[in-house]
Structures are given as structure tokens and as C-alpha cells.
Amino acid sequence: VCVCVCVCVSVQSVVLCGPTSRAASLPRVCKSLFLQAVVFVRPSQENIALLCDLLKANAYGEYYFSFSNILKETHLQTLAEADEHQVVRQVQEVYASFLAVDPFLFTLGTSNNHDYLSWKPPSTHSQLNAVDGVVEGLAAFLLSVKRRPVIRHQRSSEISRRVAEDVWRLAYEQESGLFDFRRSDGTLQLLVLDRMDDPVTPLLSQWTYQAMLHELVGIKNNRVNLPDSSPKETHDIVISSSDDGFFKDNMYSNYGDLGINIKKLVDNFQAVSKMNKQIDSIEDMQRFLDSFPGFRQQSGNVSKHVSLMSELSRIIGEASLMTVSQVQQDVACGSDRMYAYNSIMQQLSTNSQAKSSECLKLVLLFALRYEKEGTRQVPLSKHPYGSSEGAEKLATFMKFFQVDEMVAALAHRNVEDAHLTLVKEIVRWAGQERRTG
């Protein structure tokens, strides 16, 4: 929760306060002492200051405060001192600083991931805030499931060590009583890993249902925004495994199996529709009315997945993702550097349908895959330099020559300069020297 939201128990007043400057954030409100204000907010320093201003304004008759994480005693004392009119009736902690995407995955909704890439102690203020947000989110999750885990972290990653140590300090020292659940049903382990250990997977096209929606269309808080019939209009579709049986069964299905299963879904619905059209008696009418809510829900579900599949098929066809994905696999899994180079250059020069972002991913994959490899396909005895030192020099020259040629081809496709620098930066940030395993 990033903003202070004050919702009154009445449709007459809704107050929104954001954690920016206090004078600009706190709106001018009329006193409505007959109303009760219910507040759900993140326990940050900025939001505590906003709540204190709201209390001093004496705008509502009663206040009920709920915080999405652990509330510090100093913040509680500050609120108590600001409650001059004794209108605060309840203060509670509701551990909800995370979003459960499905039963096996939650997200903290961090928007400043670049701070983790460049994190080195001593860190900047924004980087420290980023780490604190992760620690708060993990603490909220652990408190919500009532578990205190054994905490392990990746030894080679400083940011992983910092997050693990802060969570351990919170769970075992600062708030040990709060985390003492006295449960003996197995040991829970929290593993803190650095995502930069695997820079390749995010560069590969994903072909399962949930992953395609996330990458090609975009999923935010289990909602997908699809273009409407009008080119300037869009509409939201809720996609969640908790209330959509078809999505739950097929969220990890590949593209081919997904098409077959959607065809079966449509066929089943058509069969049910024909049955509901045959109304010849009172009993048939009663049967239709009894099944109408389920029929209507099934109709909406079929329409939703057909629309999603149609949008995915359109994007895949227009961007020639099948062809690009084949080259990705050849680069990531193959060992012939010259073949990989020629395949990428062919895509860059002849495939006008491929998006610039997909072409950039191909070059990034090549830079990572052949970061330190020479021309292994040429035997040393047949090498024109005739020695291992000469072969190494030629391999280095060929590597930089090939990368420079691909960068030039990207520039010809009008890829931004800031993106072109990623080709060399990715080796510095996620090359073999920065990775383990």
C-alpha cells in the first residue's frame, strides 16, 4: 500500500492522501463529525505524518486505523500524541504488504528494481528504502501464514545477505514475541537468492499461458487490459486461478496444448447452448432457469479465454515470435557461435516483423552465451595463427567484431542508444564473473 487511503463509512466523503509534501497531500475537508473514518495504510513515516495532520484537523467523529505491516512503537506514540480530541477508536495491524497472485506465488509490487542491480554498501537512500520494502513485505507474508522460518541466503550476493540479515533480525530479535507461533509441523526455510544469477531466462520467450499473458499482454493485480472493438478503447479482464477453473488447469500449458483445450472448451459450451435452446415444456423451462446462472458464467468464461487466445495469436503472428524464439533456443542451447551469429544477423536484416525489443534480446543472449568462448568449431591445428596464443587473439577479435556488427544492425533498426549500451553492460552486471553455479 503506497498511499494513505481514508474511506469514510458513507458515500458522501472519500479522502485520498498521498505521501508527498504534507501541505499538498492533505486535502481541505469539511468537518463531518457524524462520520466514521476507516483508514488502511502502510506504516511509513510520511503516512504517519499525514494521519497526524488528519487527526489535528478533527474532520471526523471517529477513526479506525489499520496498518499493512508492523507499526513501530514510536509511530504509535506519535499518533497518540496527535489524538488531542480522543477520536481514535481502534488501531490494528493487518499484514497485507504483498499481493497473492495465486496459491503458490505472491509479489511485493516493487517498482524500483534497478536499485537492486547497483546495490553496494554503503548504499543510497533510495536503495536502502528498496531493501526495507522487501523486508517489510517478507515479514508481512510470514506473519500472515504464522511461520518463523530458517533463513538462508546466497553467499556471493551482498543484497541477498542484507535482506536475509534484516529479516532474521526482525523475526528473532526485534519482534521475537510476535513471530513466536510455537508450531512444530515441519521447518519452513526462506531462501533469498539473487536473480542476476540467471540472466538468460528473462531473455527467452515464454510459451505457457500465464507467462505469455504476462509478457505479451501484461498482467497487473490479476487483471489483463485488452483492446476493445474500438481501436482507442480497452477493457479489463480478471484472470485468477482461484475462481477460474480453466485458467487454473491450463496456466502452465504450452501454446499448442492451450489451443486444443480452448477448442474443447468452446465445443462443450456449444453443446450446452444447444441443449438450452430446446425448451418444449414447463420442465425444460424450469431446467433452463435453474442452470441459467452457471450457463451465463460459462458463457463469460468462454468469451474471456477466446478473447485472450485471439490477442495472443495476433501478437505472436505480427511479431513473428515463433521464428525469433527458435533463434533464441539455438543461441542459448547451441555451441556453434558462427551459426548463432549468422542466425541473429539474418533476423536483424531480413525479419521486418520482429520487434526491436526481441532483436535486442537476441544480441544480449549472444553476448552472454559466448562471453568468453573462442572459435571452438575450428581445430587448433588448422587455425591460421597456428598457436594457442594466436587463436585466442583471433577469437577475441571475432567476438568483438561480431558483437559490434550486431549492435550496428540494431542501430539500423532505430534501437535507442540507451538500449544499445545494454549489450556491453549486461556482461558487466550479469557476466560469468558476477554469476555463481
Protein backbone atom coordinates (compact mmCIF):
# COMPACT_ATOMS: atom_id res chain seq x y z
CA VAL A 1 0.00 0.00 0.00
CA CYS A 2 1.75 3.14 -1.21
CA VAL A 3 -0.78 5.83 -0.38
CA CYS A 4 -2.85 6.79 2.61
CA VAL A 5 -6.47 6.00 1.83
CA CYS A 6 -9.15 7.26 4.16
CA VAL A 7 -12.61 5.91 3.31
CA CYS A 8 -15.50 7.14 5.39
CA VAL A 9 -18.46 4.98 6.29
CA SER A 10 -20.66 7.00 4.00
CA VAL A 11 -20.81 7.57 0.27
CA GLN A 12 -20.69 11.32 0.94
CA SER A 13 -16.96 11.62 1.65
CA VAL A 14 -13.83 9.90 0.36
CA VAL A 15 -10.44 11.37 1.25
CA LEU A 16 -7.21 10.36 -0.53
CA CYS A 17 -3.84 11.39 0.88
CA GLY A 18 -0.52 10.64 -0.85
CA PRO A 19 2.91 10.55 0.83
CA THR A 20 4.33 13.63 -0.91
CA SER A 21 4.57 17.08 0.65
CA ARG A 22 2.27 17.30 3.64
CA ALA A 23 0.74 20.63 2.69
CA ALA A 24 -0.12 19.45 -0.81
CA SER A 25 -1.12 15.91 0.16
CA LEU A 26 -3.72 16.62 2.84
CA PRO A 27 -6.85 17.88 1.10
CA ARG A 28 -9.08 20.53 2.58
CA VAL A 29 -12.01 18.67 4.14
CA CYS A 30 -15.18 19.86 5.74
CA LYS A 31 -15.82 18.74 9.27
CA SER A 32 -18.19 15.79 9.33
CA LEU A 33 -18.19 14.72 12.95
CA PHE A 34 -21.13 12.38 12.37
CA LEU A 35 -18.99 10.24 10.05
CA GLN A 36 -16.54 7.46 10.93
CA ALA A 37 -13.23 7.30 9.07
CA VAL A 38 -11.70 3.90 8.27
CA VAL A 39 -8.03 4.09 7.26
CA PHE A 40 -5.87 1.35 5.70
CA VAL A 41 -2.32 2.49 5.12
CA ARG A 42 1.33 1.45 5.02
CA PRO A 43 3.08 2.39 8.32
CA SER A 44 5.64 4.71 6.72
CA GLN A 45 6.96 7.91 8.26
CA GLU A 46 5.21 10.02 5.62
CA ASN A 47 1.83 8.36 6.17
CA ILE A 48 2.09 8.69 9.95
CA ALA A 49 2.65 12.44 9.48
CA LEU A 50 -0.41 12.63 7.22
CA LEU A 51 -2.56 10.81 9.76
CA CYS A 52 -1.39 13.17 12.49
CA ASP A 53 -2.44 16.14 10.35
CA LEU A 54 -5.80 14.48 9.75
CA LEU A 55 -6.32 13.96 13.49
CA LYS A 56 -5.42 17.54 14.28
CA ALA A 57 -7.90 18.75 11.66
CA ASN A 58 -10.66 16.99 13.66
CA ALA A 59 -12.55 16.25 10.44
CA TYR A 60 -14.44 13.11 11.54
CA GLY A 61 -16.08 11.85 14.67
CA GLU A 62 -14.21 8.53 14.96
CA TYR A 63 -11.13 6.94 13.38
CA TYR A 64 -10.31 3.28 12.83
CA PHE A 65 -6.67 2.78 11.74
CA SER A 66 -5.41 -0.41 10.08
CA PHE A 67 -1.75 -0.73 9.06
CA SER A 68 -0.46 -3.12 6.44
CA ASN A 69 2.61 -4.07 8.46
CA ILE A 70 4.26 -3.87 11.87
CA LEU A 71 3.65 -0.49 13.48
CA LYS A 72 6.63 0.87 15.40
CA GLU A 73 6.07 1.93 19.00
CA THR A 74 7.41 5.38 18.15
CA HIS A 75 4.78 5.76 15.43
CA LEU A 76 2.07 4.61 17.83
CA GLN A 77 3.24 7.16 20.39
CA THR A 78 3.20 9.88 17.71
CA LEU A 79 -0.39 9.04 16.80
CA ALA A 80 -1.42 9.01 20.45
CA GLU A 81 0.05 12.48 20.99
CA ALA A 82 -1.74 13.79 17.89
CA ASP A 83 -5.10 12.39 19.09
CA GLU A 84 -5.93 15.51 21.08
CA HIS A 85 -9.69 15.01 20.69
CA GLN A 86 -9.57 11.30 21.63
CA VAL A 87 -11.34 10.18 18.48
CA VAL A 88 -9.20 7.13 17.60
CA ARG A 89 -11.27 4.06 18.44
CA GLN A 90 -9.10 1.27 17.01
CA VAL A 91 -5.52 0.68 15.82
CA GLN A 92 -4.66 -2.72 14.36
CA GLU A 93 -2.10 -4.42 12.14
CA VAL A 94 -3.35 -6.23 9.04
CA TYR A 95 -0.35 -7.93 7.44
CA ALA A 96 -1.04 -7.27 3.77
CA SER A 97 2.10 -5.68 2.28
CA PHE A 98 2.05 -8.25 -0.52
CA LEU A 99 -0.27 -9.46 -3.26
CA ALA A 100 -1.09 -13.15 -3.58
CA VAL A 101 -1.14 -13.75 -7.35
CA ASP A 102 -2.12 -17.40 -6.93
CA PRO A 103 -1.83 -20.05 -4.17
CA PHE A 104 1.89 -20.55 -4.92
CA LEU A 105 3.08 -17.05 -5.78
CA PHE A 106 2.98 -13.59 -4.27
CA THR A 107 4.55 -10.31 -5.31
CA LEU A 108 5.66 -7.22 -3.41
CA GLY A 109 4.97 -4.90 -6.33
CA THR A 110 8.38 -3.22 -6.21
CA SER A 111 8.77 -0.58 -8.92
CA ASN A 112 12.45 0.33 -8.48
CA ASN A 113 14.19 -2.91 -9.43
CA HIS A 114 17.19 -1.01 -10.80
CA ASP A 115 18.18 -0.19 -7.22
CA TYR A 116 18.85 -3.88 -6.59
CA LEU A 117 21.11 -4.20 -9.64
CA SER A 118 23.51 -1.50 -8.49
CA TRP A 119 23.24 -2.22 -4.77
CA LYS A 120 26.57 -1.98 -2.96
CA PRO A 121 27.21 -0.92 0.62
CA PRO A 122 27.23 1.87 1.67
CA SER A 123 24.00 2.37 -0.26
CA THR A 124 22.00 5.40 -1.28
CA HIS A 125 18.79 6.41 0.48
CA SER A 126 16.60 5.04 -2.33
CA GLN A 127 18.45 1.70 -2.28
CA LEU A 128 18.02 1.39 1.49
CA ASN A 129 14.31 2.13 1.12
CA ALA A 130 14.09 -0.57 -1.57
CA VAL A 131 15.62 -3.14 0.79
CA ASP A 132 13.32 -2.05 3.63
CA GLY A 133 10.31 -2.55 1.35
CA VAL A 134 11.36 -6.14 0.60
CA VAL A 135 11.96 -6.86 4.28
CA GLU A 136 8.57 -5.43 5.23
CA GLY A 137 6.83 -7.47 2.54
CA LEU A 138 8.50 -10.72 3.59
CA ALA A 139 7.71 -10.02 7.25
CA ALA A 140 4.05 -9.39 6.41
CA PHE A 141 3.85 -12.67 4.50
CA LEU A 142 5.47 -14.67 7.30
CA LEU A 143 3.16 -13.12 9.89
CA SER A 144 0.11 -13.79 7.73
CA VAL A 145 0.96 -17.50 7.45
CA LYS A 146 2.12 -17.58 11.10
CA ARG A 147 5.55 -19.05 10.49
CA ARG A 148 9.08 -18.14 11.58
CA PRO A 149 11.49 -19.70 9.07
CA VAL A 150 15.10 -20.75 9.00
CA ILE A 151 16.68 -18.09 6.78
CA ARG A 152 19.39 -18.80 4.21
CA HIS A 153 20.85 -16.54 1.56
CA GLN A 154 23.16 -16.64 -1.44
CA ARG A 155 26.71 -16.21 -0.17
CA SER A 156 28.02 -14.33 -3.21
CA SER A 157 25.27 -11.69 -3.23
CA GLU A 158 25.54 -8.68 -0.94
CA ILE A 159 21.93 -7.62 -1.47
CA SER A 160 20.70 -11.14 -0.61
CA ARG A 161 22.79 -11.10 2.56
CA ARG A 162 21.37 -7.72 3.59
CA VAL A 163 17.74 -8.80 3.07
CA ALA A 164 18.27 -12.12 4.90
CA GLU A 165 20.01 -10.47 7.86
CA ASP A 166 17.32 -7.80 8.21
CA VAL A 167 14.50 -10.38 8.12
CA TRP A 168 16.35 -12.55 10.67
CA ARG A 169 16.95 -9.59 12.96
CA LEU A 170 13.26 -8.65 12.80
CA ALA A 171 11.95 -12.19 13.37
CA TYR A 172 14.43 -13.36 16.01
CA GLU A 173 15.45 -10.19 17.87
CA GLN A 174 13.32 -7.08 17.41
CA GLU A 175 9.89 -8.79 17.20
CA SER A 176 10.68 -12.27 18.50
CA GLY A 177 7.48 -12.42 20.55
CA LEU A 178 5.36 -11.52 17.53
CA PHE A 179 6.94 -14.32 15.48
CA ASP A 180 6.74 -16.95 18.23
CA PHE A 181 3.97 -19.16 16.87
CA ARG A 182 5.09 -22.40 18.58
CA ARG A 183 4.37 -24.57 15.56
CA SER A 184 6.09 -27.90 15.06
CA ASP A 185 4.62 -29.02 11.72
CA GLY A 186 7.90 -29.04 9.81
CA THR A 187 10.60 -26.44 9.30
CA LEU A 188 9.98 -23.57 6.92
CA GLN A 189 13.03 -22.27 5.05
CA LEU A 190 13.29 -18.83 3.49
CA LEU A 191 15.83 -18.79 0.63
CA VAL A 192 16.98 -15.35 -0.51
CA LEU A 193 18.52 -15.58 -3.98
CA ASP A 194 19.90 -13.01 -6.41
CA ARG A 195 18.01 -13.01 -9.73
CA MET A 196 21.15 -11.92 -11.60
CA ASP A 197 22.49 -15.46 -11.28
CA ASP A 198 20.18 -16.35 -14.19
CA PRO A 199 20.07 -13.50 -16.72
CA VAL A 200 19.19 -15.84 -19.60
CA THR A 201 15.64 -16.94 -18.70
CA PRO A 202 14.11 -13.42 -18.81
CA LEU A 203 15.55 -13.01 -22.32
CA LEU A 204 13.80 -16.12 -23.67
CA SER A 205 10.23 -16.11 -24.97
CA GLN A 206 7.84 -17.96 -22.68
CA TRP A 207 5.20 -20.25 -24.16
CA THR A 208 2.91 -21.17 -21.26
CA TYR A 209 -0.48 -19.48 -20.83
CA GLN A 210 0.19 -17.36 -17.74
CA ALA A 211 3.70 -16.43 -18.87
CA MET A 212 2.54 -15.39 -22.35
CA LEU A 213 -0.19 -13.20 -20.87
CA HIS A 214 2.29 -11.61 -18.50
CA GLU A 215 4.94 -10.94 -21.15
CA LEU A 216 2.92 -10.20 -24.28
CA VAL A 217 -0.23 -8.55 -22.92
CA GLY A 218 0.57 -7.65 -19.33
CA ILE A 219 -0.96 -8.79 -16.03
CA LYS A 220 -1.31 -6.35 -13.15
CA ASN A 221 -3.01 -7.44 -9.94
CA ASN A 222 -4.58 -10.38 -11.81
CA ARG A 223 -6.09 -8.05 -14.39
CA VAL A 224 -5.40 -8.04 -18.13
CA ASN A 225 -6.14 -4.96 -20.22
CA LEU A 226 -7.30 -5.92 -23.72
CA PRO A 227 -8.07 -3.63 -26.67
CA ASP A 228 -11.77 -3.26 -27.31
CA SER A 229 -13.58 -3.31 -30.64
CA SER A 230 -12.74 0.36 -30.95
CA PRO A 231 -9.01 0.91 -31.50
CA LYS A 232 -8.86 3.60 -28.80
CA GLU A 233 -10.78 1.69 -26.13
CA THR A 234 -9.75 -1.12 -23.82
CA HIS A 235 -11.42 -3.28 -21.21
CA ASP A 236 -10.14 -5.18 -18.20
CA ILE A 237 -10.37 -8.95 -17.80
CA VAL A 238 -9.88 -10.61 -14.41
CA ILE A 239 -7.66 -13.67 -14.70
CA SER A 240 -7.14 -15.66 -11.50
CA SER A 241 -6.63 -19.33 -10.74
CA SER A 242 -8.69 -19.03 -7.55
CA ASP A 243 -12.02 -18.50 -9.34
CA ASP A 244 -11.33 -19.68 -12.90
CA GLY A 245 -11.09 -23.44 -13.25
CA PHE A 246 -9.97 -23.39 -16.87
CA PHE A 247 -7.13 -20.96 -16.14
CA LYS A 248 -6.10 -22.99 -13.10
CA ASP A 249 -5.87 -26.16 -15.20
CA ASN A 250 -4.09 -24.52 -18.15
CA MET A 251 -1.96 -21.71 -16.72
CA TYR A 252 1.17 -23.84 -17.25
CA SER A 253 0.04 -25.39 -20.56
CA ASN A 254 2.16 -24.65 -23.61
CA TYR A 255 0.84 -22.75 -26.60
CA GLY A 256 -0.11 -25.81 -28.63
CA ASP A 257 -1.93 -27.64 -25.84
CA LEU A 258 -3.66 -24.41 -24.87
CA GLY A 259 -5.20 -24.04 -28.32
CA ILE A 260 -6.54 -27.61 -28.20
CA ASN A 261 -8.02 -27.11 -24.71
CA ILE A 262 -9.72 -23.83 -25.68
CA LYS A 263 -11.23 -25.62 -28.70
CA LYS A 264 -12.64 -28.26 -26.33
CA LEU A 265 -13.98 -25.51 -24.05
CA VAL A 266 -15.81 -23.89 -26.96
CA ASP A 267 -17.20 -27.24 -28.18
CA ASN A 268 -18.54 -28.08 -24.72
CA PHE A 269 -20.20 -24.71 -24.45
CA GLN A 270 -21.82 -25.08 -27.86
CA ALA A 271 -23.25 -28.44 -26.80
CA VAL A 272 -24.71 -26.88 -23.64
CA SER A 273 -26.14 -23.98 -25.67
CA LYS A 274 -27.99 -26.35 -28.00
CA MET A 275 -29.50 -28.15 -25.02
CA ASN A 276 -30.73 -24.88 -23.52
CA LYS A 277 -32.37 -23.86 -26.79
CA GLN A 278 -34.62 -26.95 -26.72
CA ILE A 279 -37.42 -25.69 -24.46
CA ASP A 280 -40.61 -27.64 -25.21
CA SER A 281 -42.25 -27.95 -21.81
CA ILE A 282 -42.55 -26.40 -18.37
CA GLU A 283 -39.93 -28.84 -17.11
CA ASP A 284 -37.49 -27.70 -19.80
CA MET A 285 -38.15 -24.09 -18.87
CA GLN A 286 -37.52 -24.82 -15.19
CA ARG A 287 -34.32 -26.68 -16.05
CA PHE A 288 -33.10 -23.72 -18.10
CA LEU A 289 -33.84 -21.24 -15.30
CA ASP A 290 -32.04 -23.41 -12.75
CA SER A 291 -28.97 -23.71 -14.96
CA PHE A 292 -29.01 -20.12 -16.24
CA PRO A 293 -26.54 -18.66 -13.66
CA GLY A 294 -24.00 -21.38 -14.43
CA PHE A 295 -24.69 -21.06 -18.15
CA ARG A 296 -24.11 -17.32 -18.02
CA GLN A 297 -20.88 -17.77 -16.05
CA GLN A 298 -19.68 -20.39 -18.52
CA SER A 299 -20.51 -18.06 -21.41
CA GLY A 300 -18.43 -15.28 -19.90
CA ASN A 301 -15.57 -17.66 -19.19
CA VAL A 302 -15.51 -18.98 -22.76
CA SER A 303 -15.67 -15.48 -24.18
CA LYS A 304 -12.81 -14.36 -21.93
CA HIS A 305 -10.38 -17.13 -22.89
CA VAL A 306 -11.23 -16.94 -26.58
CA SER A 307 -10.51 -13.20 -26.49
CA LEU A 308 -7.22 -13.78 -24.69
CA MET A 309 -6.18 -16.52 -27.09
CA SER A 310 -7.07 -14.36 -30.08
CA GLU A 311 -4.97 -11.49 -28.75
CA LEU A 312 -2.02 -13.78 -28.06
CA SER A 313 -2.24 -15.28 -31.55
CA ARG A 314 -2.37 -11.82 -33.09
CA ILE A 315 0.72 -10.62 -31.22
CA ILE A 316 2.68 -13.81 -31.92
CA GLY A 317 1.87 -13.61 -35.64
CA GLU A 318 2.53 -9.91 -36.07
CA ALA A 319 5.87 -10.04 -34.23
CA SER A 320 6.99 -13.33 -35.83
CA LEU A 321 7.71 -14.68 -32.34
CA MET A 322 7.83 -18.31 -33.42
CA THR A 323 10.81 -17.67 -35.68
CA VAL A 324 12.52 -15.42 -33.16
CA SER A 325 12.02 -17.97 -30.37
CA GLN A 326 13.67 -20.69 -32.47
CA VAL A 327 16.76 -18.50 -32.88
CA GLN A 328 16.72 -17.80 -29.12
CA GLN A 329 16.83 -21.52 -28.37
CA ASP A 330 19.64 -22.06 -30.89
CA VAL A 331 21.73 -19.33 -29.25
CA ALA A 332 21.02 -20.37 -25.65
CA CYS A 333 21.41 -24.14 -26.12
CA GLY A 334 23.78 -24.41 -29.08
CA SER A 335 27.58 -24.34 -29.17
CA ASP A 336 28.26 -23.12 -32.72
CA ARG A 337 29.00 -19.43 -32.36
CA MET A 338 29.25 -18.70 -36.07
CA TYR A 339 25.88 -20.35 -36.73
CA ALA A 340 24.31 -18.34 -33.90
CA TYR A 341 25.85 -15.14 -35.28
CA ASN A 342 24.54 -15.78 -38.79
CA SER A 343 21.06 -16.66 -37.47
CA ILE A 344 20.84 -13.45 -35.46
CA MET A 345 22.12 -11.30 -38.32
CA GLN A 346 19.51 -12.85 -40.60
CA GLN A 347 16.76 -11.85 -38.17
CA LEU A 348 18.16 -8.34 -37.79
CA SER A 349 18.49 -7.74 -41.51
CA THR A 350 15.56 -9.59 -43.09
CA ASN A 351 12.82 -10.11 -40.49
CA SER A 352 11.00 -6.79 -40.58
CA GLN A 353 8.16 -8.18 -38.43
CA ALA A 354 10.38 -8.86 -35.42
CA LYS A 355 10.13 -6.17 -32.76
CA SER A 356 13.25 -4.21 -31.89
CA SER A 357 12.99 -5.42 -28.28
CA GLU A 358 13.06 -9.06 -29.44
CA CYS A 359 16.07 -8.37 -31.66
CA LEU A 360 17.84 -6.74 -28.73
CA LYS A 361 17.18 -9.85 -26.63
CA LEU A 362 18.86 -11.99 -29.29
CA VAL A 363 22.01 -9.87 -29.19
CA LEU A 364 22.02 -9.88 -25.38
CA LEU A 365 21.75 -13.67 -25.40
CA PHE A 366 24.68 -13.91 -27.80
CA ALA A 367 26.80 -11.60 -25.64
CA LEU A 368 26.13 -13.73 -22.57
CA ARG A 369 26.36 -17.14 -24.23
CA TYR A 370 29.68 -16.50 -26.00
CA GLU A 371 31.16 -14.11 -23.49
CA LYS A 372 34.46 -15.98 -23.15
CA GLU A 373 34.27 -18.69 -25.81
CA GLY A 374 36.61 -18.76 -28.80
CA THR A 375 36.14 -20.28 -32.22
CA ARG A 376 35.79 -23.81 -30.89
CA GLN A 377 34.47 -25.10 -34.18
CA VAL A 378 37.93 -24.52 -35.78
CA PRO A 379 40.57 -27.12 -34.70
CA LEU A 380 43.75 -25.55 -33.34
CA SER A 381 45.96 -27.43 -35.84
CA LYS A 382 44.09 -25.82 -38.73
CA HIS A 383 43.99 -22.37 -37.17
CA PRO A 384 45.67 -19.72 -39.34
CA TYR A 385 47.63 -18.37 -36.40
CA GLY A 386 49.00 -21.82 -35.60
CA SER A 387 49.33 -21.30 -31.83
CA SER A 388 47.08 -21.14 -28.82
CA GLU A 389 48.01 -17.50 -28.19
CA GLY A 390 47.21 -16.59 -31.80
CA ALA A 391 43.95 -18.50 -31.66
CA GLU A 392 42.96 -16.63 -28.50
CA LYS A 393 43.70 -13.27 -30.14
CA LEU A 394 41.64 -14.18 -33.19
CA ALA A 395 38.78 -15.43 -31.03
CA THR A 396 38.76 -12.16 -29.08
CA PHE A 397 38.79 -10.17 -32.30
CA MET A 398 35.98 -12.24 -33.81
CA LYS A 399 33.88 -11.92 -30.68
CA PHE A 400 34.04 -8.13 -30.55
CA PHE A 401 33.67 -7.88 -34.32
CA GLN A 402 30.51 -9.96 -34.28
CA VAL A 403 29.00 -8.07 -31.33
CA ASP A 404 29.81 -4.70 -32.95
CA GLU A 405 28.21 -5.85 -36.20
CA MET A 406 25.03 -6.86 -34.37
CA VAL A 407 24.95 -3.56 -32.44
CA ALA A 408 25.28 -1.70 -35.74
CA ALA A 409 22.37 -3.73 -37.15
CA LEU A 410 20.28 -2.83 -34.08
CA ALA A 411 21.11 0.85 -34.59
CA HIS A 412 19.96 0.49 -38.20
CA ARG A 413 16.59 -0.70 -36.82
CA ASN A 414 16.40 2.57 -34.80
CA VAL A 415 17.02 0.95 -31.42
CA GLU A 416 17.70 3.65 -28.82
CA ASP A 417 21.30 4.33 -27.80
CA ALA A 418 20.45 3.65 -24.15
CA HIS A 419 19.36 0.14 -25.14
CA LEU A 420 22.43 -0.45 -27.30
CA THR A 421 24.69 0.10 -24.29
CA LEU A 422 22.95 -2.83 -22.59
CA VAL A 423 24.86 -5.23 -24.83
CA LYS A 424 28.10 -4.45 -23.01
CA GLU A 425 26.50 -3.58 -19.67
CA ILE A 426 24.81 -6.97 -19.35
CA VAL A 427 28.19 -8.71 -19.33
CA ARG A 428 29.42 -6.33 -16.64
CA TRP A 429 26.36 -6.77 -14.45
CA ALA A 430 25.47 -10.42 -15.12
CA GLY A 431 28.52 -11.97 -16.81
CA GLN A 432 30.32 -15.10 -15.68
CA GLU A 433 32.36 -13.22 -13.10
CA ARG A 434 29.16 -11.99 -11.41
CA ARG A 435 27.35 -15.33 -11.54
CA THR A 436 27.79 -18.46 -9.46
CA GLY A 437 26.79 -22.04 -10.18
